[in-house]
Amino acid sequence: MPLISENGDPNKLKGKYAAMLVCWLLGNGCLFSWNSMLKIEDYYATLFPRYHPSRVLSLVYQPFALGVLAILTYKEAKINTRRRNLFGYTLFFISSLLVLVLDLATSGKGGIGTYIGICFISGAFGVADAHVQGGMVGDLSYMLPEFIQSFLAGLAASGALTSGLRLITKAAFENSRDGLRKGAILFFAISTFFELLCVLLYAFVFPKLPIVKYYRSKAASEGSKTVSADLAAGGIYAEPVQEAEEDPKRLERLSTKELLFKNMDYALDMFLIYALTLSIFPGFLSEDTGSHRWGGWYVLVLLAMYDAWDLIGRYIPLVKCMKLESRKGLTIAILSRFLLVPAFYFTVKYGDQGCMIMLTSFLGLTNGYLTVCVLTSAPKGYKGPEQNALGNILVLFLLGGIFAGVTLDWLWLIGKGVVKGSNHASHK
């Protein structure tokens, strides 16, 4: 039977703010390793100047993430959520450690063998992301909206934190011998430790919080079969589904296909948000902004501004009057963002650094804001198992948009000929 607070209000159960903090940290862990790899792009560009690492690594990452998540979404109703998320965070930890080991084993030397190894690890990050991001968003979709907002804010915070760390390490090691490599090693040492922390938080802290146990017990009473291991980890061994057997209608749920058709606009919204964003960030910003007097700092500042405003945008919907919930309004706003494509094109040709920073900041702000608005609005009005499935569907379309974006990002190279060395040469 679902846990109930003394006054019948689940919001009054202990652990709400602790759960929000853990969700934020787990969101961080979902992308911290991948963002660390992106933020040491100047190091990889030096090691592999002919291979476009900023674009290729993203292109390797996304098919693994999208393909695995498609399978997991199709089989979502039968998958053990706890095992899925723990596998994902553990794979993040092992992959981060492997990046560190690979660099140390090769003494920071480039070459095609090392590059292939980095690409394999990038694919492993994609597999881990498919397990964690879809699993966590689905799991949190039947809990408080604040939980999923905190998780999404954590995703953005991973970018902001890694950008800040990259600026600090670049300044600290800029004048030292082999400074780029030292910064990269520090990055992945921190990333490896943080991913281990996320494994421990999800395994031993999150399932024991009273408010989390309440919502998982409630989902089980509505027919969810994915939360039994999490309930056991939280100390609940009863079978809440038995209570619902007295009323079989309580166990009925919409199929994944029916949920998709009913929420096709939300799914396309997620796809379009990330198709646009990833067609510009990080590849275009890393390689196609030309030479500037800021040197190697310019790209890092652009990436940092995107990440900072993406994080800010994910907190704006907490102010109720500023949250956009209209389905038509969301679609119009998302389609309007495509005006950023000609805006970036003409800014690179005729604008200055200030205009580029402003546009990049707006790209991040709208990305974070619209993501939270869609993912917190869509699950309303459904039962726990349906909300879990819908969360997986929306993340699948999100990753589909990312894959489309990193593919479209190559279109910026049209007319530039065969690039023998990336524009990073001007940023060293």
Protein backbone atom coordinates (compact mmCIF):
# COMPACT_ATOMS: atom_id res chain seq x y z
CA MET A 1 0.00 0.00 0.00
CA PRO A 2 1.39 3.46 -0.90
CA LEU A 3 3.06 5.38 1.88
CA ILE A 4 0.97 8.35 3.04
CA SER A 5 2.07 11.38 5.04
CA GLU A 6 0.25 12.28 8.21
CA ASN A 7 -1.91 14.90 6.50
CA GLY A 8 -2.31 12.93 3.27
CA ASP A 9 -0.09 15.31 1.29
CA PRO A 10 2.93 13.63 -0.34
CA ASN A 11 4.66 17.03 -0.53
CA LYS A 12 4.88 16.94 3.27
CA LEU A 13 6.78 13.66 3.32
CA LYS A 14 10.36 13.89 4.49
CA GLY A 15 13.09 13.94 1.92
CA LYS A 16 11.68 16.29 -0.74
CA TYR A 17 14.62 18.69 -0.78
CA ALA A 18 17.14 15.90 -0.28
CA ALA A 19 15.58 14.15 -3.29
CA MET A 20 15.83 17.35 -5.35
CA LEU A 21 19.52 17.62 -4.47
CA VAL A 22 20.18 13.98 -5.35
CA CYS A 23 18.26 14.41 -8.63
CA TRP A 24 20.44 17.43 -9.43
CA LEU A 25 23.61 15.44 -8.75
CA LEU A 26 22.36 12.46 -10.76
CA GLY A 27 21.52 14.80 -13.65
CA ASN A 28 25.06 16.11 -13.42
CA GLY A 29 26.42 12.58 -13.57
CA CYS A 30 24.38 11.79 -16.66
CA LEU A 31 26.43 14.18 -18.84
CA PHE A 32 29.47 15.11 -16.74
CA SER A 33 31.80 12.61 -18.45
CA TRP A 34 30.57 13.46 -21.94
CA ASN A 35 30.81 17.21 -21.30
CA SER A 36 34.32 16.68 -19.94
CA MET A 37 35.28 15.06 -23.26
CA LEU A 38 33.76 17.98 -25.18
CA LYS A 39 35.48 20.61 -23.04
CA ILE A 40 38.96 19.21 -23.66
CA GLU A 41 38.28 19.53 -27.37
CA ASP A 42 41.29 21.85 -27.78
CA TYR A 43 43.49 19.03 -26.45
CA TYR A 44 41.99 16.47 -28.83
CA ALA A 45 42.25 18.93 -31.72
CA THR A 46 45.97 19.14 -31.03
CA LEU A 47 46.36 15.34 -30.87
CA PHE A 48 44.13 14.61 -33.89
CA PRO A 49 44.21 17.75 -36.10
CA ARG A 50 42.98 15.94 -39.23
CA TYR A 51 40.03 14.06 -37.76
CA HIS A 52 37.54 16.77 -36.64
CA PRO A 53 37.18 15.34 -33.12
CA SER A 54 34.52 17.88 -32.03
CA ARG A 55 32.23 16.60 -34.78
CA VAL A 56 33.26 12.95 -35.08
CA LEU A 57 33.04 12.11 -31.37
CA SER A 58 29.49 13.48 -31.24
CA LEU A 59 28.60 11.56 -34.38
CA VAL A 60 29.93 8.32 -32.83
CA TYR A 61 28.18 8.95 -29.51
CA GLN A 62 24.69 9.56 -30.84
CA PRO A 63 23.91 6.35 -32.82
CA PHE A 64 24.76 4.26 -29.74
CA ALA A 65 22.63 6.47 -27.50
CA LEU A 66 19.70 6.56 -29.92
CA GLY A 67 19.76 2.89 -30.91
CA VAL A 68 20.01 1.54 -27.37
CA LEU A 69 17.34 3.92 -26.07
CA ALA A 70 14.97 2.89 -28.88
CA ILE A 71 15.25 -0.72 -27.70
CA LEU A 72 14.88 0.23 -24.04
CA THR A 73 11.84 2.41 -24.79
CA TYR A 74 10.16 -0.41 -26.71
CA LYS A 75 10.70 -2.81 -23.79
CA GLU A 76 10.28 -0.16 -21.06
CA ALA A 77 7.33 -1.84 -19.29
CA LYS A 78 9.35 -5.00 -18.53
CA ILE A 79 12.73 -3.47 -17.64
CA ASN A 80 14.03 -3.31 -14.07
CA THR A 81 14.54 0.45 -13.66
CA ARG A 82 17.02 0.10 -10.81
CA ARG A 83 19.24 -2.31 -12.71
CA ARG A 84 19.02 -0.12 -15.82
CA ASN A 85 20.12 3.08 -14.07
CA LEU A 86 22.82 1.41 -12.01
CA PHE A 87 24.24 -0.17 -15.17
CA GLY A 88 24.27 3.23 -16.87
CA TYR A 89 26.04 5.07 -14.05
CA THR A 90 28.52 2.22 -13.62
CA LEU A 91 29.32 2.30 -17.34
CA PHE A 92 29.87 6.07 -17.10
CA PHE A 93 32.34 5.43 -14.26
CA ILE A 94 34.24 2.69 -16.11
CA SER A 95 34.37 4.65 -19.38
CA SER A 96 35.66 7.80 -17.65
CA LEU A 97 38.35 5.72 -16.00
CA LEU A 98 39.28 4.20 -19.38
CA VAL A 99 39.80 7.66 -20.93
CA LEU A 100 42.23 8.42 -18.14
CA VAL A 101 44.00 5.05 -18.47
CA LEU A 102 44.25 5.36 -22.27
CA ASP A 103 45.88 8.78 -22.06
CA LEU A 104 48.34 7.64 -19.40
CA ALA A 105 49.14 4.41 -21.26
CA THR A 106 49.92 6.27 -24.51
CA SER A 107 51.72 9.13 -22.73
CA GLY A 108 49.42 11.62 -24.43
CA LYS A 109 50.46 10.64 -27.97
CA GLY A 110 48.06 10.91 -30.88
CA GLY A 111 47.69 8.50 -33.76
CA ILE A 112 44.87 6.56 -35.34
CA GLY A 113 44.94 3.78 -32.70
CA THR A 114 44.43 6.20 -29.82
CA TYR A 115 41.74 8.02 -31.79
CA ILE A 116 39.82 4.78 -32.42
CA GLY A 117 40.04 4.01 -28.70
CA ILE A 118 38.59 7.43 -27.85
CA CYS A 119 35.79 6.80 -30.37
CA PHE A 120 34.95 3.45 -28.75
CA ILE A 121 34.77 5.14 -25.34
CA SER A 122 32.54 7.83 -26.85
CA GLY A 123 30.19 5.06 -28.01
CA ALA A 124 30.20 3.60 -24.48
CA PHE A 125 29.17 7.01 -23.15
CA GLY A 126 26.25 6.89 -25.59
CA VAL A 127 25.13 3.48 -24.31
CA ALA A 128 25.35 4.71 -20.71
CA ASP A 129 23.39 7.86 -21.58
CA ALA A 130 20.60 5.79 -23.14
CA HIS A 131 20.25 3.78 -19.95
CA VAL A 132 20.44 6.67 -17.51
CA GLN A 133 18.75 9.61 -19.19
CA GLY A 134 15.69 7.70 -20.40
CA GLY A 135 15.54 5.65 -17.21
CA MET A 136 15.78 8.64 -14.87
CA VAL A 137 13.38 10.88 -16.80
CA GLY A 138 10.86 8.04 -16.97
CA ASP A 139 11.32 7.27 -13.27
CA LEU A 140 10.92 10.91 -12.22
CA SER A 141 7.98 11.61 -14.54
CA TYR A 142 5.51 10.07 -12.07
CA MET A 143 6.99 11.97 -9.12
CA LEU A 144 6.98 15.69 -8.35
CA PRO A 145 7.69 18.05 -11.30
CA GLU A 146 10.40 19.62 -9.13
CA PHE A 147 12.33 16.34 -9.27
CA ILE A 148 12.48 16.19 -13.05
CA GLN A 149 13.28 19.91 -13.18
CA SER A 150 16.19 19.35 -10.77
CA PHE A 151 17.45 16.44 -12.86
CA LEU A 152 17.26 18.53 -16.05
CA ALA A 153 18.98 21.43 -14.28
CA GLY A 154 21.71 18.99 -13.25
CA LEU A 155 22.17 18.01 -16.91
CA ALA A 156 22.79 21.66 -17.76
CA ALA A 157 24.90 22.23 -14.66
CA SER A 158 27.29 19.52 -15.85
CA GLY A 159 28.01 21.68 -18.87
CA ALA A 160 28.41 24.85 -16.82
CA LEU A 161 30.65 23.12 -14.27
CA THR A 162 32.87 21.52 -16.89
CA SER A 163 33.13 24.86 -18.73
CA GLY A 164 34.17 26.58 -15.51
CA LEU A 165 36.68 23.84 -14.72
CA ARG A 166 38.08 24.05 -18.24
CA LEU A 167 38.64 27.80 -17.95
CA ILE A 168 40.35 27.29 -14.56
CA THR A 169 42.59 24.47 -15.77
CA LYS A 170 43.50 26.36 -18.94
CA ALA A 171 44.54 29.37 -16.86
CA ALA A 172 46.40 27.20 -14.34
CA PHE A 173 48.37 25.18 -16.90
CA GLU A 174 48.59 27.64 -19.78
CA ASN A 175 52.25 28.48 -19.24
CA SER A 176 53.37 25.04 -18.10
CA ARG A 177 54.90 22.35 -20.26
CA ASP A 178 52.27 19.99 -21.65
CA GLY A 179 49.55 22.16 -20.07
CA LEU A 180 46.70 20.93 -22.29
CA ARG A 181 47.36 17.32 -21.32
CA LYS A 182 47.59 18.10 -17.61
CA GLY A 183 44.22 19.85 -17.76
CA ALA A 184 42.67 16.88 -19.60
CA ILE A 185 44.01 14.39 -17.04
CA LEU A 186 42.63 16.50 -14.17
CA PHE A 187 39.27 16.69 -15.94
CA PHE A 188 38.81 12.96 -16.21
CA ALA A 189 40.14 12.26 -12.75
CA ILE A 190 37.38 14.53 -11.39
CA SER A 191 34.84 12.98 -13.78
CA THR A 192 35.72 9.43 -12.71
CA PHE A 193 35.30 10.31 -9.03
CA PHE A 194 31.98 12.05 -9.65
CA GLU A 195 30.53 9.12 -11.60
CA LEU A 196 31.42 6.79 -8.73
CA LEU A 197 29.58 9.16 -6.38
CA CYS A 198 26.48 8.95 -8.61
CA VAL A 199 26.55 5.14 -8.48
CA LEU A 200 26.56 5.27 -4.68
CA LEU A 201 23.84 7.95 -4.49
CA TYR A 202 21.44 6.06 -6.74
CA ALA A 203 22.16 2.69 -5.14
CA PHE A 204 22.01 3.61 -1.45
CA VAL A 205 20.55 7.10 -0.89
CA PHE A 206 17.80 7.89 -3.40
CA PRO A 207 15.61 4.76 -2.91
CA LYS A 208 15.50 5.24 0.88
CA LEU A 209 13.99 8.76 0.83
CA PRO A 210 10.36 8.65 2.11
CA ILE A 211 8.90 10.79 -0.68
CA VAL A 212 10.62 8.64 -3.33
CA LYS A 213 9.28 5.46 -1.70
CA TYR A 214 5.79 7.02 -1.68
CA TYR A 215 5.73 7.72 -5.42
CA ARG A 216 7.25 4.38 -6.35
CA SER A 217 4.75 2.56 -4.18
CA LYS A 218 1.96 4.59 -5.79
CA ALA A 219 3.24 3.70 -9.28
CA ALA A 220 3.32 0.02 -8.30
CA SER A 221 -0.27 0.24 -7.08
CA GLU A 222 -1.20 1.55 -10.54
CA GLY A 223 0.32 -1.47 -12.23
CA SER A 224 3.98 -0.52 -12.75
CA LYS A 225 6.27 -3.56 -12.89
CA THR A 226 9.52 -1.58 -13.24
CA VAL A 227 9.85 -0.32 -9.67
CA SER A 228 9.87 -3.53 -7.61
CA ALA A 229 13.67 -3.61 -7.17
CA ASP A 230 13.69 0.07 -6.17
CA LEU A 231 10.96 -0.56 -3.61
CA ALA A 232 12.94 -3.46 -2.16
CA ALA A 233 16.03 -1.24 -1.97
CA GLY A 234 13.94 1.26 -0.03
CA GLY A 235 12.77 -1.39 2.42
CA ILE A 236 9.29 -2.05 0.94
CA TYR A 237 8.84 -5.73 0.20
CA ALA A 238 5.05 -5.91 -0.08
CA GLU A 239 3.39 -6.27 -3.47
CA PRO A 240 1.41 -3.03 -3.93
CA VAL A 241 -0.07 -4.34 -7.18
CA GLN A 242 -2.17 -6.84 -5.26
CA GLU A 243 -4.24 -3.96 -3.91
CA ALA A 244 -5.15 -3.00 -7.46
CA GLU A 245 -6.22 -6.48 -8.46
CA GLU A 246 -9.57 -5.84 -6.80
CA ASP A 247 -10.16 -3.25 -9.54
CA PRO A 248 -8.61 -4.48 -12.82
CA LYS A 249 -9.30 -1.13 -14.53
CA ARG A 250 -6.63 0.44 -12.34
CA LEU A 251 -4.05 -1.77 -14.06
CA GLU A 252 -5.10 -0.75 -17.59
CA ARG A 253 -2.69 1.61 -19.33
CA LEU A 254 -2.17 3.15 -22.74
CA SER A 255 0.36 1.38 -24.93
CA THR A 256 3.61 3.08 -25.94
CA LYS A 257 2.20 3.59 -29.44
CA GLU A 258 -0.98 5.20 -28.11
CA LEU A 259 1.04 7.49 -25.83
CA LEU A 260 3.19 8.56 -28.77
CA PHE A 261 0.18 9.43 -30.95
CA LYS A 262 -1.44 11.40 -28.14
CA ASN A 263 1.78 13.33 -27.50
CA MET A 264 3.27 13.59 -30.98
CA ASP A 265 3.52 17.38 -30.71
CA TYR A 266 5.58 17.13 -27.52
CA ALA A 267 7.79 14.46 -29.10
CA LEU A 268 8.43 16.60 -32.20
CA ASP A 269 9.07 19.60 -29.94
CA MET A 270 11.88 17.70 -28.20
CA PHE A 271 13.30 16.59 -31.55
CA LEU A 272 13.31 20.11 -33.00
CA ILE A 273 14.80 21.74 -29.89
CA TYR A 274 17.88 19.54 -30.00
CA ALA A 275 18.18 19.24 -33.80
CA LEU A 276 18.68 23.01 -33.92
CA THR A 277 20.89 23.26 -30.83
CA LEU A 278 23.28 20.48 -31.84
CA SER A 279 23.54 21.76 -35.41
CA ILE A 280 25.32 24.76 -33.86
CA PHE A 281 26.76 23.55 -30.55
CA PRO A 282 29.53 22.48 -30.12
CA GLY A 283 30.87 21.76 -33.63
CA PHE A 284 30.06 25.06 -35.35
CA LEU A 285 31.13 27.10 -32.31
CA SER A 286 34.35 25.09 -31.99
CA GLU A 287 35.53 25.10 -35.61
CA ASP A 288 33.72 27.73 -37.67
CA THR A 289 33.94 30.99 -35.74
CA GLY A 290 37.24 32.00 -37.32
CA SER A 291 40.36 33.59 -35.84
CA HIS A 292 40.00 36.19 -33.12
CA ARG A 293 42.25 38.24 -30.89
CA TRP A 294 40.96 36.16 -27.96
CA GLY A 295 42.93 33.20 -29.30
CA GLY A 296 42.27 29.87 -27.62
CA TRP A 297 40.01 31.49 -25.04
CA TYR A 298 37.31 32.47 -27.54
CA VAL A 299 35.82 29.01 -28.13
CA LEU A 300 35.96 28.21 -24.41
CA VAL A 301 34.10 31.43 -23.59
CA LEU A 302 31.41 30.65 -26.19
CA LEU A 303 30.90 27.12 -24.81
CA ALA A 304 30.85 28.46 -21.25
CA MET A 305 28.24 31.11 -22.09
CA TYR A 306 26.01 28.51 -23.74
CA ASP A 307 26.25 26.22 -20.73
CA ALA A 308 25.67 28.99 -18.18
CA TRP A 309 22.54 30.30 -19.91
CA ASP A 310 21.26 26.78 -20.57
CA LEU A 311 21.40 26.25 -16.80
CA ILE A 312 19.66 29.56 -16.08
CA GLY A 313 16.94 28.71 -18.61
CA ARG A 314 16.13 25.48 -16.75
CA TYR A 315 15.32 27.38 -13.56
CA ILE A 316 13.04 30.00 -15.12
CA PRO A 317 10.01 27.61 -15.28
CA LEU A 318 10.11 27.39 -11.47
CA VAL A 319 8.49 30.84 -11.56
CA LYS A 320 4.95 29.74 -12.37
CA CYS A 321 3.95 32.88 -14.28
CA MET A 322 6.99 32.47 -16.58
CA LYS A 323 6.40 28.83 -17.45
CA LEU A 324 5.03 28.20 -20.94
CA GLU A 325 2.50 25.32 -20.84
CA SER A 326 0.41 25.95 -23.94
CA ARG A 327 1.02 23.16 -26.44
CA LYS A 328 0.63 25.51 -29.41
CA GLY A 329 2.71 28.18 -27.71
CA LEU A 330 5.56 25.72 -27.16
CA THR A 331 5.51 24.60 -30.79
CA ILE A 332 5.52 28.19 -32.09
CA ALA A 333 8.41 29.14 -29.80
CA ILE A 334 10.41 26.08 -30.83
CA LEU A 335 9.90 26.68 -34.55
CA SER A 336 10.88 30.34 -34.11
CA ARG A 337 14.30 29.27 -32.83
CA PHE A 338 15.27 28.20 -36.36
CA LEU A 339 15.79 31.89 -37.13
CA LEU A 340 19.02 31.43 -35.18
CA VAL A 341 20.56 29.57 -38.16
CA PRO A 342 20.75 32.63 -40.47
CA ALA A 343 21.54 34.77 -37.43
CA PHE A 344 24.66 32.72 -36.65
CA TYR A 345 25.65 32.57 -40.32
CA PHE A 346 25.60 36.33 -40.80
CA THR A 347 27.14 37.01 -37.40
CA VAL A 348 30.18 34.89 -38.30
CA LYS A 349 30.55 36.78 -41.58
CA TYR A 350 29.79 40.33 -40.47
CA GLY A 351 29.38 40.45 -36.68
CA ASP A 352 31.83 40.79 -33.83
CA GLN A 353 32.61 38.71 -30.75
CA GLY A 354 29.95 40.47 -28.66
CA CYS A 355 27.16 39.54 -31.07
CA MET A 356 28.34 35.94 -31.21
CA ILE A 357 28.41 35.67 -27.42
CA MET A 358 24.89 37.15 -27.21
CA LEU A 359 23.53 34.71 -29.80
CA THR A 360 25.22 31.75 -28.11
CA SER A 361 23.77 32.79 -24.76
CA PHE A 362 20.27 33.01 -26.27
CA LEU A 363 20.71 29.57 -27.84
CA GLY A 364 21.50 28.13 -24.41
CA LEU A 365 18.74 30.03 -22.61
CA THR A 366 15.99 28.87 -24.97
CA ASN A 367 17.31 25.31 -25.06
CA GLY A 368 17.15 24.94 -21.28
CA TYR A 369 13.86 26.78 -20.83
CA LEU A 370 11.92 24.93 -23.52
CA THR A 371 13.30 21.52 -22.50
CA VAL A 372 11.98 21.89 -18.94
CA CYS A 373 8.64 23.30 -20.12
CA VAL A 374 8.01 20.30 -22.40
CA LEU A 375 9.21 17.55 -20.07
CA THR A 376 7.30 18.84 -17.03
CA SER A 377 4.08 19.56 -18.93
CA ALA A 378 3.75 16.39 -21.01
CA PRO A 379 3.32 13.72 -18.27
CA LYS A 380 0.36 15.43 -16.57
CA GLY A 381 -2.90 13.50 -16.48
CA TYR A 382 -1.46 10.00 -16.81
CA LYS A 383 -0.91 7.10 -14.42
CA GLY A 384 2.54 6.19 -13.14
CA PRO A 385 3.37 3.47 -15.71
CA GLU A 386 2.18 5.72 -18.55
CA GLN A 387 4.22 8.66 -17.27
CA ASN A 388 7.29 6.44 -17.12
CA ALA A 389 6.76 5.29 -20.70
CA LEU A 390 6.09 8.83 -21.93
CA GLY A 391 9.27 10.06 -20.29
CA ASN A 392 11.23 7.42 -22.22
CA ILE A 393 9.51 8.37 -25.47
CA LEU A 394 10.34 12.06 -25.08
CA VAL A 395 13.98 11.35 -24.26
CA LEU A 396 14.13 9.08 -27.34
CA PHE A 397 13.00 11.98 -29.53
CA LEU A 398 15.42 14.27 -27.67
CA LEU A 399 18.31 11.98 -28.58
CA GLY A 400 16.94 11.68 -32.11
CA GLY A 401 17.11 15.47 -32.36
CA ILE A 402 20.67 15.45 -31.07
CA PHE A 403 21.67 12.86 -33.69
CA ALA A 404 20.02 14.90 -36.43
CA GLY A 405 21.75 18.03 -35.12
CA VAL A 406 25.27 16.59 -35.05
CA THR A 407 24.68 15.28 -38.58
CA LEU A 408 23.37 18.62 -39.86
CA ASP A 409 26.33 20.34 -38.20
CA TRP A 410 28.54 19.05 -41.03
CA LEU A 411 26.59 21.23 -43.48
CA TRP A 412 28.48 24.25 -42.14
CA LEU A 413 31.57 22.81 -43.88
CA ILE A 414 29.98 22.99 -47.36
CA GLY A 415 32.00 25.29 -49.58
CA LYS A 416 35.07 25.18 -47.38
CA GLY A 417 36.79 22.37 -49.25
CA VAL A 418 38.71 19.56 -47.60
CA VAL A 419 39.94 20.83 -44.31
CA LYS A 420 43.39 19.49 -43.59
CA GLY A 421 43.55 20.92 -40.15
CA SER A 422 40.76 22.32 -38.06
CA ASN A 423 40.46 25.98 -37.21
CA HIS A 424 41.79 25.13 -33.79
CA ALA A 425 45.21 25.93 -35.13
CA SER A 426 44.30 29.55 -34.63
CA HIS A 427 43.15 28.92 -31.09
CA LYS A 428 46.33 27.38 -29.70
